[in-house]
Each structure stands twice: as C-alpha cells, then as structure tokens.
C-alpha atoms as a PDB file:
ATOM      1  CA  MET A   1     129.736  60.223  67.701  1.00  0.00           C
ATOM      2  CA  ILE A   2     127.083  60.286  64.981  1.00  0.00           C
ATOM      3  CA  CYS A   3     124.793  63.298  64.493  1.00  0.00           C
ATOM      4  CA  ARG A   4     121.239  62.331  65.345  1.00  0.00           C
ATOM      5  CA  GLN A   5     119.847  64.625  62.625  1.00  0.00           C
ATOM      6  CA  CYS A   6     121.978  64.094  59.526  1.00  0.00           C
ATOM      7  CA  GLY A   7     124.097  61.048  60.413  1.00  0.00           C
ATOM      8  CA  THR A   8     127.475  62.777  59.936  1.00  0.00           C
ATOM      9  CA  GLU A   9     130.325  61.544  62.096  1.00  0.00           C
ATOM     10  CA  ILE A  10     131.393  64.320  64.469  1.00  0.00           C
ATOM     11  CA  ALA A  11     133.848  64.642  67.362  1.00  0.00           C
ATOM     12  CA  ASP A  12     132.832  63.175  70.702  1.00  0.00           C
ATOM     13  CA  LYS A  13     133.174  66.560  72.442  1.00  0.00           C
ATOM     14  CA  ALA A  14     131.226  68.476  69.790  1.00  0.00           C
ATOM     15  CA  ILE A  15     128.391  70.672  70.997  1.00  0.00           C
ATOM     16  CA  VAL A  16     126.717  70.987  67.603  1.00  0.00           C
ATOM     17  CA  CYS A  17     127.020  69.175  64.301  1.00  0.00           C
ATOM     18  CA  TYR A  18     129.322  71.090  61.969  1.00  0.00           C
ATOM     19  CA  ARG A  19     127.227  70.070  58.975  1.00  0.00           C
ATOM     20  CA  CYS A  20     123.608  70.694  59.994  1.00  0.00           C
ATOM     21  CA  GLY A  21     123.970  72.677  63.235  1.00  0.00           C
ATOM     22  CA  THR A  22     121.885  70.320  65.362  1.00  0.00           C
ATOM     23  CA  ALA A  23     122.779  70.240  69.065  1.00  0.00           C
ATOM     24  CA  THR A  24     124.316  67.011  70.298  1.00  0.00           C
ATOM     25  CA  THR A  25     122.512  67.169  73.668  1.00  0.00           C
ATOM     26  CA  ASP A  26     119.111  68.301  74.830  1.00  0.00           C
ATOM     27  CA  PRO A  27     118.968  71.882  76.128  1.00  0.00           C
ATOM     28  CA  ILE A  28     119.397  72.295  79.879  1.00  0.00           C
ATOM     29  CA  ARG A  29     116.952  75.171  80.129  1.00  0.00           C
ATOM     30  CA  ARG A  30     113.435  75.123  78.837  1.00  0.00           C
ATOM     31  CA  PRO A  31     112.198  78.046  76.761  1.00  0.00           C
ATOM     32  CA  ALA A  32     110.272  80.674  78.679  1.00  0.00           C
ATOM     33  CA  GLY A  33     106.540  80.222  78.609  1.00  0.00           C
ATOM     34  CA  ILE A  34     104.396  82.718  76.770  1.00  0.00           C
ATOM     35  CA  ARG A  35     102.455  84.887  79.172  1.00  0.00           C
ATOM     36  CA  ARG A  36      98.818  85.399  78.483  1.00  0.00           C
ATOM     37  CA  ARG A  37      97.834  88.936  77.689  1.00  0.00           C
ATOM     38  CA  ARG A  38      95.852  90.487  80.467  1.00  0.00           C
ATOM     39  CA  SER A  39      92.362  91.729  80.044  1.00  0.00           C
ATOM     40  CA  PRO A  40      92.092  95.463  79.315  1.00  0.00           C
ATOM     41  CA  LEU A  41      89.539  95.743  82.138  1.00  0.00           C
ATOM     42  CA  LEU A  42      92.067  97.015  84.680  1.00  0.00           C
ATOM     43  CA  SER A  43      93.480  99.627  82.309  1.00  0.00           C
ATOM     44  CA  THR A  44      89.968 100.794  81.480  1.00  0.00           C
ATOM     45  CA  ALA A  45      89.053 101.037  85.168  1.00  0.00           C
ATOM     46  CA  VAL A  46      92.181 103.078  85.902  1.00  0.00           C
ATOM     47  CA  LEU A  47      91.412 105.371  82.973  1.00  0.00           C
ATOM     48  CA  VAL A  48      87.868 105.940  84.247  1.00  0.00           C
ATOM     49  CA  LEU A  49      89.225 106.696  87.726  1.00  0.00           C
ATOM     50  CA  LEU A  50      91.685 109.189  86.244  1.00  0.00           C
ATOM     51  CA  VAL A  51      88.904 110.951  84.367  1.00  0.00           C
ATOM     52  CA  LEU A  52      86.746 111.086  87.511  1.00  0.00           C
ATOM     53  CA  ALA A  53      89.679 112.407  89.545  1.00  0.00           C
ATOM     54  CA  ALA A  54      90.359 115.069  86.918  1.00  0.00           C
ATOM     55  CA  LEU A  55      86.711 116.124  86.959  1.00  0.00           C
ATOM     56  CA  PHE A  56      86.764 116.257  90.754  1.00  0.00           C
ATOM     57  CA  LEU A  57      89.935 118.330  90.796  1.00  0.00           C
ATOM     58  CA  GLY A  58      88.506 120.683  88.217  1.00  0.00           C
ATOM     59  CA  GLU A  59      85.390 121.204  90.293  1.00  0.00           C
ATOM     60  CA  ALA A  60      87.387 121.474  93.530  1.00  0.00           C
ATOM     61  CA  GLY A  61      89.687 124.031  91.946  1.00  0.00           C
ATOM     62  CA  ARG A  62      86.715 126.081  90.853  1.00  0.00           C
ATOM     63  CA  ILE A  63      85.147 126.215  94.317  1.00  0.00           C
ATOM     64  CA  ALA A  64      88.375 126.141  96.372  1.00  0.00           C
ATOM     65  CA  PRO A  65      88.727 129.927  96.696  1.00  0.00           C
ATOM     66  CA  GLN A  66      85.508 129.885  98.748  1.00  0.00           C
ATOM     67  CA  TYR A  67      86.967 127.327 101.172  1.00  0.00           C
ATOM     68  CA  GLN A  68      90.558 128.224 101.989  1.00  0.00           C
ATOM     69  CA  ALA A  69      90.927 125.495 104.648  1.00  0.00           C
ATOM     70  CA  SER A  70      89.827 122.684 102.345  1.00  0.00           C
ATOM     71  CA  TRP A  71      91.874 119.451 102.593  1.00  0.00           C
ATOM     72  CA  GLU A  72      90.118 117.576  99.782  1.00  0.00           C
ATOM     73  CA  LEU A  73      92.022 119.331  97.023  1.00  0.00           C
ATOM     74  CA  PRO A  74      95.546 118.267  98.170  1.00  0.00           C
ATOM     75  CA  VAL A  75      94.362 114.708  98.864  1.00  0.00           C
ATOM     76  CA  ALA A  76      92.743 114.463  95.442  1.00  0.00           C
ATOM     77  CA  ALA A  77      95.885 115.824  93.800  1.00  0.00           C
ATOM     78  CA  VAL A  78      98.054 113.213  95.538  1.00  0.00           C
ATOM     79  CA  LEU A  79      95.661 110.420  94.508  1.00  0.00           C
ATOM     80  CA  LEU A  80      95.690 111.656  90.927  1.00  0.00           C
ATOM     81  CA  VAL A  81      99.500 111.693  90.835  1.00  0.00           C
ATOM     82  CA  ILE A  82      99.631 108.154  92.268  1.00  0.00           C
ATOM     83  CA  ALA A  83      97.127 106.929  89.678  1.00  0.00           C
ATOM     84  CA  VAL A  84      99.106 108.496  86.831  1.00  0.00           C
ATOM     85  CA  VAL A  85     102.332 106.890  88.084  1.00  0.00           C
ATOM     86  CA  VAL A  86     100.632 103.478  88.303  1.00  0.00           C
ATOM     87  CA  VAL A  87      99.313 103.770  84.748  1.00  0.00           C
ATOM     88  CA  ILE A  88     102.725 104.806  83.410  1.00  0.00           C
ATOM     89  CA  VAL A  89     104.465 101.913  85.198  1.00  0.00           C
ATOM     90  CA  ARG A  90     101.947  99.420  83.812  1.00  0.00           C
ATOM     91  CA  ILE A  91     102.401 100.734  80.289  1.00  0.00           C
ATOM     92  CA  VAL A  92     106.196 100.564  80.544  1.00  0.00           C
ATOM     93  CA  ARG A  93     106.127  96.983  81.912  1.00  0.00           C
ATOM     94  CA  ARG A  94     104.277  95.642  78.859  1.00  0.00           C
END
C-alpha cells in the first residue's frame, strides 16, 4: 500500500503511515460538533429571581414574629433553595 499523503510504501495492514503519521483510512466517527454558547438571559433571569426571593425572605423574616401561623416563609425558603440548586447545576454543567 502507498501512503496517500507522502507516497511512502507501507504495509497493507498498517493503520497509519510510519513516516508521516497519516491515517490509512477515513475515521469511522465524526468529530463532535461545537455547541453554541447559550444566551446569558436565563442566568440573568434566575439571578434576578434569587435576589427577589432573598428580599422577600428578608421581609418575611422581619414580620414573621407577628404571624406565627404563616406558611409563606417555609414555601419561599424551599423555592429559594430550589433556585440555588438549579443555578449551581447550570454552572457546573458548563
């Protein structure tokens, strides 16, 4: 077999040319495509929601002693924790 890059005679079972390193066959797998970078709009929206949730929790914590049977504070805390987890997962996946 003759190398298609440099013209050196190589063994018929060779995978690459020993002289130039060119593969003797085309690759079976194609290279992975480059993913487009996402718009920062979603991250910005999540950040704004986190800030609003923090402000809400701060206000709810300030007035909560007046309303001992309030359910908004635990619900807001759970939503804030979920939002933080989502942001952390998105940052790690990048």
